[in-house]
Amino acid sequence: MSIIILDDIERLLDFVAIGPRFSNTLLQTLLVLLKKPPPEGHRVLVVGTTSQPRVMEVCMCLWYMQGMLLLGVLVLGVVGV
């Protein structure tokens, strides 16, 4: 199985909340690549992260996703003090 991680999707798409505006060229390229099925006998897991879930709605990316998991803010702490 292959795993693709798209971290900070709003930055990949140059998303700006005013308007809202984003790079449609990058979005279309990303959607075409994500819709392409993997070779026969292979599986792909795509994980995307965003700090602005509204971006997924505005860009209509939710149509191509099988699920969305909303998490709280992750905070790094000191381990083993």
C-alpha atoms as a PDB file:
ATOM      1  CA  MET A   1       0.000   0.000   0.000  1.00  0.00           C
ATOM      2  CA  SER A   2       1.178   3.490  -0.816  1.00  0.00           C
ATOM      3  CA  ILE A   3       0.399   6.480   1.397  1.00  0.00           C
ATOM      4  CA  ILE A   4       0.247  10.052   0.115  1.00  0.00           C
ATOM      5  CA  ILE A   5       0.155  12.858   2.696  1.00  0.00           C
ATOM      6  CA  LEU A   6      -1.056  16.294   1.596  1.00  0.00           C
ATOM      7  CA  ASP A   7      -0.094  18.495   4.522  1.00  0.00           C
ATOM      8  CA  ASP A   8      -1.605  21.978   4.866  1.00  0.00           C
ATOM      9  CA  ILE A   9      -3.888  21.774   1.837  1.00  0.00           C
ATOM     10  CA  GLU A  10      -4.845  25.449   2.033  1.00  0.00           C
ATOM     11  CA  ARG A  11      -1.225  26.426   1.473  1.00  0.00           C
ATOM     12  CA  LEU A  12      -0.853  23.996  -1.431  1.00  0.00           C
ATOM     13  CA  LEU A  13      -3.832  25.686  -3.100  1.00  0.00           C
ATOM     14  CA  ASP A  14      -2.765  29.250  -2.208  1.00  0.00           C
ATOM     15  CA  PHE A  15      -6.122  29.651  -0.464  1.00  0.00           C
ATOM     16  CA  VAL A  16      -7.117  33.167   0.647  1.00  0.00           C
ATOM     17  CA  ALA A  17     -10.251  33.512   2.794  1.00  0.00           C
ATOM     18  CA  ILE A  18     -11.067  36.931   1.364  1.00  0.00           C
ATOM     19  CA  GLY A  19     -13.100  36.238  -1.698  1.00  0.00           C
ATOM     20  CA  PRO A  20     -12.476  33.188  -1.269  1.00  0.00           C
ATOM     21  CA  ARG A  21      -9.693  32.675  -3.780  1.00  0.00           C
ATOM     22  CA  PHE A  22      -7.424  29.751  -4.539  1.00  0.00           C
ATOM     23  CA  SER A  23      -5.377  28.400  -7.396  1.00  0.00           C
ATOM     24  CA  ASN A  24      -7.880  26.586  -9.594  1.00  0.00           C
ATOM     25  CA  THR A  25      -5.048  25.189 -11.723  1.00  0.00           C
ATOM     26  CA  LEU A  26      -3.472  23.500  -8.706  1.00  0.00           C
ATOM     27  CA  LEU A  27      -6.858  22.276  -7.463  1.00  0.00           C
ATOM     28  CA  GLN A  28      -7.764  20.724 -10.833  1.00  0.00           C
ATOM     29  CA  THR A  29      -4.347  19.068 -11.100  1.00  0.00           C
ATOM     30  CA  LEU A  30      -4.683  17.657  -7.596  1.00  0.00           C
ATOM     31  CA  LEU A  31      -8.215  16.360  -8.225  1.00  0.00           C
ATOM     32  CA  VAL A  32      -7.225  14.682 -11.501  1.00  0.00           C
ATOM     33  CA  LEU A  33      -4.328  12.923  -9.807  1.00  0.00           C
ATOM     34  CA  LEU A  34      -6.425  11.869  -6.806  1.00  0.00           C
ATOM     35  CA  LYS A  35      -9.224  10.443  -8.973  1.00  0.00           C
ATOM     36  CA  LYS A  36      -6.819   8.323 -11.003  1.00  0.00           C
ATOM     37  CA  PRO A  37      -7.082   4.717  -9.786  1.00  0.00           C
ATOM     38  CA  PRO A  38      -3.887   2.969  -8.711  1.00  0.00           C
ATOM     39  CA  PRO A  39      -2.490   0.144 -10.838  1.00  0.00           C
ATOM     40  CA  GLU A  40      -4.314  -3.170 -10.539  1.00  0.00           C
ATOM     41  CA  GLY A  41      -3.386  -5.004  -7.358  1.00  0.00           C
ATOM     42  CA  HIS A  42      -2.194  -1.835  -5.594  1.00  0.00           C
ATOM     43  CA  ARG A  43      -3.896   0.359  -3.013  1.00  0.00           C
ATOM     44  CA  VAL A  44      -3.381   4.010  -2.121  1.00  0.00           C
ATOM     45  CA  LEU A  45      -4.307   5.886   1.052  1.00  0.00           C
ATOM     46  CA  VAL A  46      -4.417   9.683   0.738  1.00  0.00           C
ATOM     47  CA  VAL A  47      -4.342  11.746   3.941  1.00  0.00           C
ATOM     48  CA  GLY A  48      -4.839  15.495   3.788  1.00  0.00           C
ATOM     49  CA  THR A  49      -4.473  18.012   6.590  1.00  0.00           C
ATOM     50  CA  THR A  50      -5.844  21.508   6.946  1.00  0.00           C
ATOM     51  CA  SER A  51      -6.259  23.979   9.771  1.00  0.00           C
ATOM     52  CA  GLN A  52      -9.251  25.471   7.922  1.00  0.00           C
ATOM     53  CA  PRO A  53     -11.892  22.766   7.219  1.00  0.00           C
ATOM     54  CA  ARG A  54     -13.966  25.350   5.309  1.00  0.00           C
ATOM     55  CA  VAL A  55     -11.323  25.209   2.566  1.00  0.00           C
ATOM     56  CA  MET A  56     -12.464  21.689   1.716  1.00  0.00           C
ATOM     57  CA  GLU A  57     -16.058  22.910   1.300  1.00  0.00           C
ATOM     58  CA  VAL A  58     -15.178  26.007  -0.747  1.00  0.00           C
ATOM     59  CA  CYS A  59     -12.935  24.043  -3.127  1.00  0.00           C
ATOM     60  CA  MET A  60     -15.546  21.259  -3.394  1.00  0.00           C
ATOM     61  CA  CYS A  61     -12.932  18.690  -2.396  1.00  0.00           C
ATOM     62  CA  LEU A  62     -15.392  16.844  -0.145  1.00  0.00           C
ATOM     63  CA  TRP A  63     -17.014  15.274  -3.205  1.00  0.00           C
ATOM     64  CA  TYR A  64     -13.840  13.259  -3.773  1.00  0.00           C
ATOM     65  CA  MET A  65     -13.264  12.201  -0.175  1.00  0.00           C
ATOM     66  CA  GLN A  66     -14.667   9.149   1.543  1.00  0.00           C
ATOM     67  CA  GLY A  67     -14.450  10.630   5.005  1.00  0.00           C
ATOM     68  CA  MET A  68     -13.332  13.521   7.130  1.00  0.00           C
ATOM     69  CA  LEU A  69     -12.094  13.394  10.708  1.00  0.00           C
ATOM     70  CA  LEU A  70     -12.064  16.651  12.655  1.00  0.00           C
ATOM     71  CA  LEU A  71      -9.408  16.842  15.352  1.00  0.00           C
ATOM     72  CA  GLY A  72      -8.688  19.500  17.913  1.00  0.00           C
ATOM     73  CA  VAL A  73      -5.490  21.491  17.864  1.00  0.00           C
ATOM     74  CA  LEU A  74      -2.489  19.245  18.385  1.00  0.00           C
ATOM     75  CA  VAL A  75      -0.044  20.656  20.896  1.00  0.00           C
ATOM     76  CA  LEU A  76       3.512  19.470  21.208  1.00  0.00           C
ATOM     77  CA  GLY A  77       4.569  18.950  24.787  1.00  0.00           C
ATOM     78  CA  VAL A  78       7.684  17.992  26.648  1.00  0.00           C
ATOM     79  CA  VAL A  79       8.023  14.243  26.915  1.00  0.00           C
ATOM     80  CA  GLY A  80       9.907  12.408  29.653  1.00  0.00           C
ATOM     81  CA  VAL A  81      10.536  15.339  31.994  1.00  0.00           C
END
